C-alpha cells in the first residue's frame, strides 16, 4: 500500500495539521508520499522532506495552486491519486473543501473526520456531534479520507530524508478565481494548535468584555476562542468559533468562561486534556465534562484570575 497525504501549508511553511495526518497514515501502514501543491512553495517542499516517516515528497509548484482553489486542487489530486490506495488530508476547511471533489472525480466515497484506524479499510468517525462513534468499512479501491487532527499525535517534523520530486501537471478548471482575502492577525497562538485555550460564551454579554479573556490569554500564552452563541451574537469574528461547525481543539488546558455547554460546543473541545469551567449557573451542562468547575460570576472570577497569574 502507498498512501498520499495532502500537505496543509501557506506557501511558506508547513502547517502542524500535516504532521497529525501523517501519523494517521502511519496507523494505516505502508509507504507515505506527501503532496505539496502551491505557488512558490519550494521551502514547504524542503520542510516536508524532513518529516519523519515520509518516503517521497511531490511538489506541484504552479500559479493555479497558489490559493488552494478546491476546483484546481481536486483535479490534481484525482490525477495523482489513481496510483495510491489511500488519500488523506487534514479535516480542516481546506481539506474538507478539496477532498470530496477529488473523491467524486475518482468515483469513490469520501470518509470524513476519522478519529481512529482499525485496519486499512476500517475507520472510526464521530457522528451526532460526537455522541456516537461510527465504525466505517470501505470496499473502494481508493480510500479518500479526512483526518481529525486532534485525534492523532503529530509525528516529528525533523528526522526524515525523503526524496523530492517535481510534478509538472497544472490544472486550472477555469470555473473559480481568487479575488482577495481578509486575514485576522494575532500574536497569540493559532486556535487549533494552542496548548492552552480560553473561550467565552453568551455570558460575556458583549464583545468588549472579551478583553478580559485577552488579558488572561496573553499571560498564559493561550489562544482565545468562543462559542457559537457568542459568534452569532456578533461579539467576536467567526474564525474564533469552537464547536461542531467551528474549529475542533484538544489543548492541554481548556478554560470555558460563560459557556453553557451545548452539544454543538462540546463536540469541538471535549477531548481537551483538562477542562475548567466558570459559570454562575450550577446546572450548566459544561460542568458535566469539566475537570474543574467554578460556580461564580465571570465578571468577578476572571479579573481575579488575571490578577493572580
Protein backbone atom coordinates (compact mmCIF):
# COMPACT_ATOMS: atom_id res chain seq x y z
CA UNK A 1 0.00 0.00 0.00
CA UNK A 2 1.09 3.53 -0.74
CA UNK A 3 -0.63 6.49 0.90
CA UNK A 4 -0.80 10.06 -0.41
CA UNK A 5 -1.07 12.75 2.26
CA UNK A 6 -2.09 16.24 1.15
CA UNK A 7 0.10 18.81 2.92
CA UNK A 8 -1.54 21.83 4.53
CA UNK A 9 0.59 24.97 4.11
CA UNK A 10 0.60 28.68 3.27
CA UNK A 11 3.25 28.50 0.52
CA UNK A 12 5.88 29.45 3.10
CA UNK A 13 5.62 26.93 5.95
CA UNK A 14 4.15 23.52 6.63
CA UNK A 15 1.12 23.53 8.94
CA UNK A 16 1.14 21.35 12.05
CA UNK A 17 -2.05 19.59 10.91
CA UNK A 18 0.03 17.81 8.25
CA UNK A 19 2.10 16.09 10.94
CA UNK A 20 -1.02 14.69 12.60
CA UNK A 21 -2.31 13.45 9.25
CA UNK A 22 0.98 11.65 8.57
CA UNK A 23 0.52 9.93 11.95
CA UNK A 24 -2.88 8.68 10.80
CA UNK A 25 -1.27 7.41 7.58
CA UNK A 26 1.31 5.52 9.66
CA UNK A 27 -1.53 3.87 11.59
CA UNK A 28 -2.88 2.56 8.29
CA UNK A 29 0.55 1.27 7.25
CA UNK A 30 2.52 1.39 4.02
CA UNK A 31 4.72 3.91 2.24
CA UNK A 32 3.74 7.55 2.64
CA UNK A 33 4.08 10.24 -0.03
CA UNK A 34 3.38 13.90 0.74
CA UNK A 35 1.87 16.25 -1.86
CA UNK A 36 2.80 19.92 -1.61
CA UNK A 37 0.69 21.89 -4.10
CA UNK A 38 1.09 25.63 -4.20
CA UNK A 39 2.91 28.54 -5.81
CA UNK A 40 6.44 29.49 -4.78
CA UNK A 41 6.31 26.65 -2.28
CA UNK A 42 9.82 25.22 -2.61
CA UNK A 43 10.55 25.93 1.07
CA UNK A 44 7.49 23.91 2.07
CA UNK A 45 8.72 21.00 -0.02
CA UNK A 46 12.08 21.11 1.74
CA UNK A 47 10.38 21.14 5.15
CA UNK A 48 8.10 18.29 4.10
CA UNK A 49 11.10 16.16 3.13
CA UNK A 50 12.29 16.31 6.75
CA UNK A 51 9.03 14.96 8.21
CA UNK A 52 9.56 11.61 9.91
CA UNK A 53 8.04 8.63 8.09
CA UNK A 54 7.64 10.26 4.67
CA UNK A 55 9.15 8.33 1.73
CA UNK A 56 8.68 10.88 -1.05
CA UNK A 57 7.53 14.48 -1.45
CA UNK A 58 5.69 15.55 -4.59
CA UNK A 59 5.90 19.29 -5.27
CA UNK A 60 3.36 20.80 -7.67
CA UNK A 61 4.53 24.42 -7.93
CA UNK A 62 2.18 26.35 -10.19
CA UNK A 63 0.19 29.56 -10.04
CA UNK A 64 -3.02 27.52 -10.42
CA UNK A 65 -2.48 26.09 -6.92
CA UNK A 66 -1.30 29.29 -5.24
CA UNK A 67 -4.51 29.94 -3.31
CA UNK A 68 -5.59 26.32 -2.84
CA UNK A 69 -8.69 26.66 -5.00
CA UNK A 70 -10.56 23.41 -4.50
CA UNK A 71 -11.62 23.14 -8.16
CA UNK A 72 -7.98 23.09 -9.27
CA UNK A 73 -6.54 21.00 -6.45
CA UNK A 74 -9.28 18.41 -6.80
CA UNK A 75 -8.22 17.76 -10.40
CA UNK A 76 -4.57 17.38 -9.41
CA UNK A 77 -5.31 15.04 -6.51
CA UNK A 78 -7.62 12.91 -8.66
CA UNK A 79 -4.89 12.58 -11.31
CA UNK A 80 -2.16 11.62 -8.86
CA UNK A 81 -4.45 9.66 -6.55
CA UNK A 82 -5.07 6.89 -9.09
CA UNK A 83 -1.70 5.43 -8.10
CA UNK A 84 -2.48 5.22 -4.36
CA UNK A 85 -4.51 3.01 -2.04
CA UNK A 86 -5.36 5.88 0.33
CA UNK A 87 -5.53 9.67 0.05
CA UNK A 88 -5.52 11.59 3.34
CA UNK A 89 -5.88 15.26 4.24
CA UNK A 90 -6.48 17.13 7.50
CA UNK A 91 -10.15 17.74 8.27
CA UNK A 92 -9.61 21.49 8.05
CA UNK A 93 -11.60 23.97 5.99
CA UNK A 94 -9.27 23.35 3.06
CA UNK A 95 -9.21 19.56 3.40
CA UNK A 96 -12.98 19.30 3.69
CA UNK A 97 -13.37 21.55 0.65
CA UNK A 98 -10.91 19.74 -1.62
CA UNK A 99 -11.07 16.02 -0.86
CA UNK A 100 -14.77 15.35 -1.60
CA UNK A 101 -14.21 16.86 -5.06
CA UNK A 102 -11.25 14.54 -5.65
CA UNK A 103 -13.28 11.58 -4.40
CA UNK A 104 -16.11 12.39 -6.83
CA UNK A 105 -13.63 12.55 -9.72
CA UNK A 106 -12.23 9.17 -8.67
CA UNK A 107 -15.79 7.81 -8.30
CA UNK A 108 -15.27 6.71 -4.70
CA UNK A 109 -16.89 7.61 -1.37
CA UNK A 110 -15.11 10.15 0.82
CA UNK A 111 -14.81 9.24 4.51
CA UNK A 112 -14.73 12.33 6.70
CA UNK A 113 -13.24 13.22 10.06
CA UNK A 114 -11.77 9.87 11.17
CA UNK A 115 -10.53 9.64 14.75
CA UNK A 116 -9.08 6.11 14.74
CA UNK A 117 -7.78 3.46 12.35
CA UNK A 118 -8.88 -0.14 12.95
CA UNK A 119 -7.39 -1.56 9.75
CA UNK A 120 -6.51 -0.48 6.24
CA UNK A 121 -10.21 -0.41 5.27
CA UNK A 122 -11.95 0.25 8.60
CA UNK A 123 -12.05 3.55 10.48
CA UNK A 124 -13.88 5.29 13.30
CA UNK A 125 -15.54 8.68 12.96
CA UNK A 126 -17.86 10.69 15.23
CA UNK A 127 -21.48 11.33 14.28
CA UNK A 128 -24.35 13.16 16.02
CA UNK A 129 -21.99 15.85 17.36
CA UNK A 130 -19.67 13.22 18.79
CA UNK A 131 -22.33 11.40 20.80
CA UNK A 132 -21.93 8.27 18.67
CA UNK A 133 -18.76 6.80 17.20
CA UNK A 134 -19.42 5.06 13.88
CA UNK A 135 -17.16 2.30 12.58
CA UNK A 136 -16.96 2.60 8.81
CA UNK A 137 -15.60 -0.05 6.43
CA UNK A 138 -14.86 0.84 2.82
CA UNK A 139 -14.53 -1.54 -0.12
CA UNK A 140 -13.45 1.24 -2.51
CA UNK A 141 -10.18 0.64 -4.31
CA UNK A 142 -9.00 4.09 -3.20
CA UNK A 143 -9.89 5.32 0.28
CA UNK A 144 -10.27 9.12 0.36
CA UNK A 145 -10.19 10.30 3.97
CA UNK A 146 -10.09 13.48 6.03
CA UNK A 147 -8.46 13.18 9.45
CA UNK A 148 -9.48 14.86 12.70
CA UNK A 149 -6.01 16.01 13.63
CA UNK A 150 -6.67 16.28 17.36
CA UNK A 151 -7.17 12.50 17.49
CA UNK A 152 -3.62 11.66 16.36
CA UNK A 153 -0.32 12.67 17.96
CA UNK A 154 1.86 14.55 15.49
CA UNK A 155 4.93 12.86 14.02
CA UNK A 156 8.31 14.59 14.33
CA UNK A 157 8.87 17.49 11.94
CA UNK A 158 12.57 16.62 11.74
CA UNK A 159 14.48 13.42 11.17
CA UNK A 160 13.22 12.36 7.75
CA UNK A 161 15.11 12.46 4.47
CA UNK A 162 12.51 11.98 1.77
CA UNK A 163 13.23 12.39 -1.92
CA UNK A 164 11.66 15.47 -3.54
CA UNK A 165 10.04 15.07 -6.94
CA UNK A 166 8.56 17.84 -9.08
CA UNK A 167 5.07 17.39 -10.55
CA UNK A 168 4.54 19.12 -13.87
CA UNK A 169 0.74 18.79 -14.01
CA UNK A 170 -1.02 22.15 -14.00
CA UNK A 171 -4.80 22.08 -13.69
CA UNK A 172 -6.83 25.25 -13.99
CA UNK A 173 -10.52 24.35 -14.05
CA UNK A 174 -11.38 27.89 -15.11
CA UNK A 175 -14.54 27.96 -13.01
CA UNK A 176 -13.24 29.84 -9.97
CA UNK A 177 -10.77 32.63 -9.31
CA UNK A 178 -9.10 34.07 -6.25
CA UNK A 179 -10.43 37.57 -5.60
CA UNK A 180 -9.00 38.52 -2.21
CA UNK A 181 -8.77 37.68 1.46
CA UNK A 182 -9.02 39.43 4.80
CA UNK A 183 -6.89 37.67 7.38
CA UNK A 184 -7.23 38.19 11.12
CA UNK A 185 -3.72 38.66 12.50
CA UNK A 186 -2.81 37.93 16.10
CA UNK A 187 0.32 37.43 18.15
CA UNK A 188 -1.48 34.69 20.08
CA UNK A 189 -1.11 31.01 19.12
CA UNK A 190 -3.33 29.55 16.42
CA UNK A 191 -6.53 28.21 17.95
CA UNK A 192 -6.28 24.66 16.62
CA UNK A 193 -2.66 24.14 17.71
CA UNK A 194 -2.53 26.08 21.00
CA UNK A 195 -1.64 24.22 24.21
CA UNK A 196 -4.00 26.45 26.20
CA UNK A 197 -7.34 27.83 25.01
CA UNK A 198 -9.67 30.19 26.87
CA UNK A 199 -13.13 30.61 25.36
CA UNK A 200 -16.05 32.89 26.07
CA UNK A 201 -19.75 32.34 25.53
CA UNK A 202 -23.01 34.23 25.59
CA UNK A 203 -22.36 35.04 29.25
CA UNK A 204 -19.67 37.53 28.16
CA UNK A 205 -22.62 39.80 27.21
CA UNK A 206 -20.72 41.78 24.55
CA UNK A 207 -17.53 41.87 22.51
CA UNK A 208 -15.82 44.47 24.70
CA UNK A 209 -15.90 42.10 27.67
CA UNK A 210 -13.73 39.63 25.73
CA UNK A 211 -10.87 41.99 26.61
CA UNK A 212 -10.85 40.23 30.00
CA UNK A 213 -10.11 36.94 28.27
CA UNK A 214 -7.43 38.51 26.07
CA UNK A 215 -5.57 39.70 29.17
CA UNK A 216 -5.64 36.22 30.71
CA UNK A 217 -4.65 34.65 27.39
CA UNK A 218 -1.65 36.96 26.99
CA UNK A 219 -0.37 35.98 30.43
CA UNK A 220 -0.86 32.25 29.77
CA UNK A 221 0.34 32.26 26.16
CA UNK A 222 -3.10 30.99 25.19
CA UNK A 223 -5.41 31.24 22.19
CA UNK A 224 -8.87 32.76 22.57
CA UNK A 225 -11.99 31.02 21.28
CA UNK A 226 -15.73 31.46 21.52
CA UNK A 227 -18.96 29.51 21.47
CA UNK A 228 -21.34 29.69 18.53
CA UNK A 229 -23.74 31.77 20.63
CA UNK A 230 -21.07 34.43 21.13
CA UNK A 231 -20.20 34.44 17.43
CA UNK A 232 -23.84 34.57 16.31
CA UNK A 233 -24.43 37.47 18.70
CA UNK A 234 -21.63 39.36 16.95
CA UNK A 235 -19.32 39.52 19.98
CA UNK A 236 -16.32 38.14 18.07
CA UNK A 237 -15.50 37.03 14.49
CA UNK A 238 -16.43 33.53 13.36
CA UNK A 239 -12.81 32.38 13.00
CA UNK A 240 -12.79 32.17 16.81
CA UNK A 241 -15.68 29.70 16.96
CA UNK A 242 -15.03 26.36 18.68
CA UNK A 243 -17.55 23.60 18.08
CA UNK A 244 -19.11 21.22 15.61
CA UNK A 245 -19.48 23.94 12.96
CA UNK A 246 -16.33 25.76 14.08
CA UNK A 247 -12.86 24.58 14.99
CA UNK A 248 -12.04 21.33 16.76
CA UNK A 249 -9.49 21.80 19.54
CA UNK A 250 -7.84 19.47 22.05
CA UNK A 251 -5.40 21.57 24.09
CA UNK A 252 -3.71 20.59 27.35
CA UNK A 253 -5.93 23.14 29.13
CA UNK A 254 -9.33 24.47 28.02
CA UNK A 255 -10.97 27.24 30.05
CA UNK A 256 -14.66 27.80 29.29
CA UNK A 257 -15.99 31.14 30.54
CA UNK A 258 -19.70 31.90 30.46
CA UNK A 259 -20.36 28.91 28.20
CA UNK A 260 -23.40 26.76 28.98
CA UNK A 261 -22.02 23.68 27.23
CA UNK A 262 -24.41 22.95 24.39
CA UNK A 263 -23.71 19.72 22.46
CA UNK A 264 -22.53 21.76 19.47
CA UNK A 265 -19.76 23.34 21.54
CA UNK A 266 -18.79 20.20 23.44
CA UNK A 267 -18.19 18.42 20.12
CA UNK A 268 -15.35 20.83 19.46
CA UNK A 269 -13.49 20.72 22.78
CA UNK A 270 -14.40 17.70 24.90
CA UNK A 271 -11.14 15.91 24.02
CA UNK A 272 -9.13 18.60 25.83
CA UNK A 273 -6.78 17.15 28.44
CA UNK A 274 -8.06 19.36 31.31
CA UNK A 275 -11.29 21.37 31.15
CA UNK A 276 -12.02 24.25 33.52
CA UNK A 277 -15.48 25.85 33.53
CA UNK A 278 -16.56 29.18 35.02
CA UNK A 279 -20.30 29.75 35.02
CA UNK A 280 -22.76 31.18 37.52
CA UNK A 281 -25.39 28.56 36.60
CA UNK A 282 -24.53 25.44 38.61
CA UNK A 283 -26.85 23.39 36.36
CA UNK A 284 -24.96 24.30 33.17
CA UNK A 285 -24.12 21.18 31.09
CA UNK A 286 -20.50 22.30 30.79
CA UNK A 287 -19.90 21.12 34.36
CA UNK A 288 -20.66 17.54 33.32
CA UNK A 289 -17.49 17.42 31.20
CA UNK A 290 -15.35 19.81 33.24
CA UNK A 291 -12.47 18.51 35.36
CA UNK A 292 -12.70 21.66 37.49
CA UNK A 293 -15.78 23.83 37.83
CA UNK A 294 -16.22 27.21 39.45
CA UNK A 295 -19.77 28.41 40.10
CA UNK A 296 -19.24 32.15 40.10
CA UNK A 297 -19.94 35.36 38.25
CA UNK A 298 -17.34 35.54 35.48
CA UNK A 299 -17.07 39.31 35.91
CA UNK A 300 -15.69 38.66 39.39
CA UNK A 301 -13.78 35.45 38.71
CA UNK A 302 -11.90 36.36 35.52
CA UNK A 303 -10.36 39.63 36.74
CA UNK A 304 -9.33 37.87 39.96
CA UNK A 305 -7.80 35.01 37.94
CA UNK A 306 -5.90 37.51 35.81
CA UNK A 307 -4.57 39.32 38.86
CA UNK A 308 -3.26 36.06 40.37
CA UNK A 309 -1.39 34.86 37.27
